[in-house]
Amino acid sequence: MPHSSSVTRAPSESPSAQGLYRYSLWVAVSTLVLIKLGAMVTSTGSGMAYLDWPLSNGSLLPPDMIEDPAKFFEHFHRMAGALVGLLVVALTVWVFRSEDRRWLKQLTLGVLILVCAQGIIGGVGVLKGLPVMTSVTHGVLAQVIFCLLALVAFALSPTWRERMTAPARMVRRARLMAAVALALVFLQLVAGAILRHANLPGLLWVHVSMALLVALAILAAAQYCGTRLSEVPGFTDTGRLILMILVVQLILGYLTFVIRRLKDPSNIEYLGRSFVVTAHVAVGALMFLSSALLLYRVLRNVEPGGESV
């Protein structure tokens, strides 16, 4: 249905602001890589390769990590986690020095606190023998941190300042559909994390059944927002990107269903399978991110106005 709209374009940014925005993107990308590495640790059953923490066999660089693939994955994951932590520290300092928005400073500081908590949860999990609740919390919190870093990057981007007015009913429906899709993706991530860490084959069918519901919600939200809000710059591309990620995720989900094995150290002998399963986890994180980005955008970039005639 045609409707009147007005788009407010973002003004040009200073080189310093552009640099901060690009850096925030790199921090988010590094977090996705860390999620992939963490998934490899889980899939190969390498989480208990070293029984101590924060060191590994009492060393920052244990020599045996080169000889044992399980120890390599676990220690490399620890080092990557420490690096991402340092990147988030630098991001927080940069935001506090450059930004005037108090809420953005608080958000970035909150992300840093969550990153520190994430490291502690992972370490305590190792010391306690990887209890299911600790492992699930560690895995899900990583995805939440990833999406919060994406929100920081979005707030620092030129897109943040773009505004459009659309019919109030259309905006409300778009926001509701995007919120429902995001909530369902999150529940699916939690179910997947429990399935992976608890070794509960019966939960597999819950996860598979939920996949259909999640896919329908994502399709509906992406289609509605991509077509009804197409006058907002980038909304059509966002919808298409979500659909592409969804297709890839469904394919990886099917492959994972066919080749998956319960979490066990013997999985280190099946690295090819582990790469496929962990790709399913990483693309799931991208699905969570893209759904969150859609909600971020309909909340920020679109304002409810008068109803269409």
Foldseek 3Di string as FASTA:
>chain_A
DDFDKDKDAFDDDDPLLVVLLVLLVVLLVLLLVLLLLVLLLLQLLLLQVALAPPDGVPHLDDPCLVVDVSSVSNSVSSVSLVVSLVSLVVSLVSCVVPDPDPVLNVLSVVLSVLSVVLSVLSRVCSNVVNDLVSQLCSSLSSLVSSLSSVVSSCCSDSLLPMAMETAQVLLVVLLVLLVVLLVLLSVLSSLVSSCQRVVDVVSLVVSVVSLVVSLVSLLVNLVSQLPVVVVRPPSVVLSVVLVVLSVVLVVLSVLCVVDGDHRDNVCNVVVVSSSSNSVNVSSSSVNSNSSSVSNVCSVRHYDHDHHGD
